[in-house]
C-alpha atoms as a PDB file:
ATOM      1  CA  MET A   1      -0.956  27.984 -25.956  1.00  0.00           C
ATOM      2  CA  SER A   2      -3.504  27.946 -23.040  1.00  0.00           C
ATOM      3  CA  ASP A   3      -5.189  24.449 -24.398  1.00  0.00           C
ATOM      4  CA  LEU A   4      -1.940  23.193 -24.579  1.00  0.00           C
ATOM      5  CA  HIS A   5      -1.243  24.142 -20.748  1.00  0.00           C
ATOM      6  CA  LYS A   6      -4.590  22.948 -20.116  1.00  0.00           C
ATOM      7  CA  GLU A   7      -3.838  19.190 -21.726  1.00  0.00           C
ATOM      8  CA  VAL A   8      -0.738  19.273 -19.636  1.00  0.00           C
ATOM      9  CA  SER A   9      -1.703  20.138 -16.323  1.00  0.00           C
ATOM     10  CA  ASP A  10      -5.069  17.450 -17.193  1.00  0.00           C
ATOM     11  CA  LEU A  11      -2.609  14.845 -17.818  1.00  0.00           C
ATOM     12  CA  GLU A  12      -0.389  15.587 -14.597  1.00  0.00           C
ATOM     13  CA  GLN A  13      -3.598  15.295 -12.912  1.00  0.00           C
ATOM     14  CA  LYS A  14      -4.163  11.921 -14.059  1.00  0.00           C
ATOM     15  CA  SER A  15      -0.976  10.749 -13.327  1.00  0.00           C
ATOM     16  CA  ALA A  16      -0.790  11.662  -9.960  1.00  0.00           C
ATOM     17  CA  THR A  17      -4.597   9.888  -9.597  1.00  0.00           C
ATOM     18  CA  ALA A  18      -2.880   6.771 -11.294  1.00  0.00           C
ATOM     19  CA  ALA A  19      -0.077   7.078  -9.152  1.00  0.00           C
ATOM     20  CA  ARG A  20      -1.839   7.168  -5.544  1.00  0.00           C
ATOM     21  CA  LEU A  21      -3.977   4.708  -7.325  1.00  0.00           C
ATOM     22  CA  PHE A  22      -1.289   2.071  -7.951  1.00  0.00           C
ATOM     23  CA  ASP A  23       0.377   2.929  -4.933  1.00  0.00           C
ATOM     24  CA  ILE A  24       2.623  -0.571  -4.029  1.00  0.00           C
ATOM     25  CA  ARG A  25       1.484  -0.158   0.089  1.00  0.00           C
ATOM     26  CA  ARG A  26      -2.120  -0.273  -1.033  1.00  0.00           C
ATOM     27  CA  ILE A  27      -1.424  -3.813  -2.490  1.00  0.00           C
ATOM     28  CA  ILE A  28       1.090  -4.999   0.025  1.00  0.00           C
ATOM     29  CA  GLY A  29      -0.890  -3.697   3.113  1.00  0.00           C
ATOM     30  CA  GLY A  30      -4.421  -4.823   1.841  1.00  0.00           C
ATOM     31  CA  LEU A  31      -2.759  -8.388   1.281  1.00  0.00           C
ATOM     32  CA  PHE A  32      -1.075  -8.090   4.524  1.00  0.00           C
ATOM     33  CA  VAL A  33      -4.463  -7.387   5.956  1.00  0.00           C
ATOM     34  CA  VAL A  34      -6.606 -10.071   3.875  1.00  0.00           C
ATOM     35  CA  TYR A  35      -4.178 -12.994   4.879  1.00  0.00           C
ATOM     36  CA  GLY A  36      -3.622 -11.662   8.484  1.00  0.00           C
ATOM     37  CA  ILE A  37      -7.188 -11.973   9.360  1.00  0.00           C
ATOM     38  CA  ILE A  38      -7.200 -15.377   7.638  1.00  0.00           C
ATOM     39  CA  VAL A  39      -4.120 -16.860   9.426  1.00  0.00           C
ATOM     40  CA  THR A  40      -5.550 -15.182  12.697  1.00  0.00           C
ATOM     41  CA  ILE A  41      -9.209 -16.834  12.392  1.00  0.00           C
ATOM     42  CA  ALA A  42      -7.163 -20.048  12.014  1.00  0.00           C
ATOM     43  CA  GLY A  43      -5.313 -19.324  14.831  1.00  0.00           C
ATOM     44  CA  ILE A  44      -8.173 -18.915  17.563  1.00  0.00           C
ATOM     45  CA  SER A  45      -8.853 -22.247  18.032  1.00  0.00           C
ATOM     46  CA  PRO A  46      -6.217 -24.544  16.808  1.00  0.00           C
ATOM     47  CA  SER A  47      -6.321 -28.500  17.216  1.00  0.00           C
ATOM     48  CA  ASP A  48      -4.203 -30.139  19.967  1.00  0.00           C
ATOM     49  CA  ALA A  49      -2.197 -31.881  17.022  1.00  0.00           C
ATOM     50  CA  ASP A  50      -1.323 -28.567  15.776  1.00  0.00           C
ATOM     51  CA  LEU A  51       0.024 -27.326  19.238  1.00  0.00           C
ATOM     52  CA  LYS A  52       2.153 -30.244  19.554  1.00  0.00           C
ATOM     53  CA  LYS A  53       3.544 -29.629  16.370  1.00  0.00           C
ATOM     54  CA  ALA A  54       4.317 -25.784  17.504  1.00  0.00           C
ATOM     55  CA  GLN A  55       5.804 -27.050  21.157  1.00  0.00           C
ATOM     56  CA  GLY A  56       2.495 -25.481  22.956  1.00  0.00           C
ATOM     57  CA  VAL A  57       2.897 -21.960  20.740  1.00  0.00           C
ATOM     58  CA  HIS A  58      -0.215 -20.491  19.320  1.00  0.00           C
ATOM     59  CA  ILE A  59       2.094 -19.778  15.961  1.00  0.00           C
ATOM     60  CA  ASN A  60      -0.918 -18.931  13.599  1.00  0.00           C
ATOM     61  CA  LEU A  61      -2.453 -16.692  16.136  1.00  0.00           C
ATOM     62  CA  TRP A  62       0.833 -14.459  16.784  1.00  0.00           C
ATOM     63  CA  THR A  63       1.549 -14.568  12.949  1.00  0.00           C
ATOM     64  CA  GLY A  64      -2.057 -13.486  11.868  1.00  0.00           C
ATOM     65  CA  LEU A  65      -1.990 -10.486  14.735  1.00  0.00           C
ATOM     66  CA  ALA A  66       1.811  -9.802  13.228  1.00  0.00           C
ATOM     67  CA  MET A  67       0.589  -9.599   9.740  1.00  0.00           C
ATOM     68  CA  LEU A  68      -2.549  -7.636  10.635  1.00  0.00           C
ATOM     69  CA  ALA A  69      -0.544  -5.108  12.311  1.00  0.00           C
ATOM     70  CA  LEU A  70       2.332  -5.020   9.301  1.00  0.00           C
ATOM     71  CA  GLY A  71      -0.599  -4.595   6.754  1.00  0.00           C
ATOM     72  CA  LEU A  72      -2.236  -1.968   8.845  1.00  0.00           C
ATOM     73  CA  PHE A  73       1.069  -0.093   9.204  1.00  0.00           C
ATOM     74  CA  PHE A  74       1.356  -0.087   5.183  1.00  0.00           C
ATOM     75  CA  LEU A  75      -2.217   1.450   5.126  1.00  0.00           C
ATOM     76  CA  VAL A  76      -1.816   4.352   7.778  1.00  0.00           C
ATOM     77  CA  TRP A  77       1.812   5.060   6.149  1.00  0.00           C
ATOM     78  CA  MET A  78      -0.106   5.479   2.638  1.00  0.00           C
ATOM     79  CA  LYS A  79      -2.994   7.925   4.498  1.00  0.00           C
ATOM     80  CA  LEU A  80      -0.405  10.124   6.224  1.00  0.00           C
ATOM     81  CA  ARG A  81       1.975  10.246   3.320  1.00  0.00           C
ATOM     82  CA  PRO A  82      -0.036  10.294  -0.283  1.00  0.00           C
ATOM     83  CA  ALA A  83       2.129   9.395  -3.251  1.00  0.00           C
ATOM     84  CA  GLN A  84       3.096  12.477  -5.117  1.00  0.00           C
ATOM     85  CA  ALA A  85       3.635  12.831  -8.734  1.00  0.00           C
ATOM     86  CA  PRO A  86       7.229  13.830  -9.791  1.00  0.00           C
ATOM     87  CA  ALA A  87       7.644  17.509 -10.191  1.00  0.00           C
ATOM     88  CA  HIS A  88       8.308  18.224 -13.752  1.00  0.00           C
ATOM     89  CA  ALA A  89      11.476  19.832 -15.127  1.00  0.00           C
ATOM     90  CA  PRO A  90      11.007  24.099 -15.137  1.00  0.00           C
ATOM     91  CA  GLU A  91      10.214  25.033 -18.332  1.00  0.00           C
ATOM     92  CA  ASP A  92      13.037  26.714 -20.641  1.00  0.00           C
ATOM     93  CA  THR A  93      11.728  30.566 -21.510  1.00  0.00           C
ATOM     94  CA  THR A  94      14.286  31.387 -23.655  1.00  0.00           C
ATOM     95  CA  PRO A  95      13.642  32.144 -27.139  1.00  0.00           C
ATOM     96  CA  GLU A  96      14.749  30.045 -29.767  1.00  0.00           C
ATOM     97  CA  LYS A  97      17.269  31.189 -32.449  1.00  0.00           C
END
C-alpha cells in the first residue's frame, strides 16, 4: 500500500510542476514583454511620416511601454502567487461491506 501512496504523491508533484510550467500568465506575460520591447524599439526614433500619421504622438513608444508594463505585471503576479495544484478530495476511510 505504501508503494501506491508513493506513486500518487509523485504524480501529484508532477501535476503541480506541470501546472506551474504551463501557467497562462507566463505565456501572456512573456509575449507582451517580447512584443513590448519590439514596439518600443520601433517607437524610439519614428520617421516624420509616422509622426504625422499619429498626429504628433509617439504612439509606438507609448504602446510598447504599456505592453512592456503589462507583461511585467503578469510575470510578477505569477512570481508572487504561483499556481497551486488542486487539492484532492479526502480519502474515504470507512470499510467496504
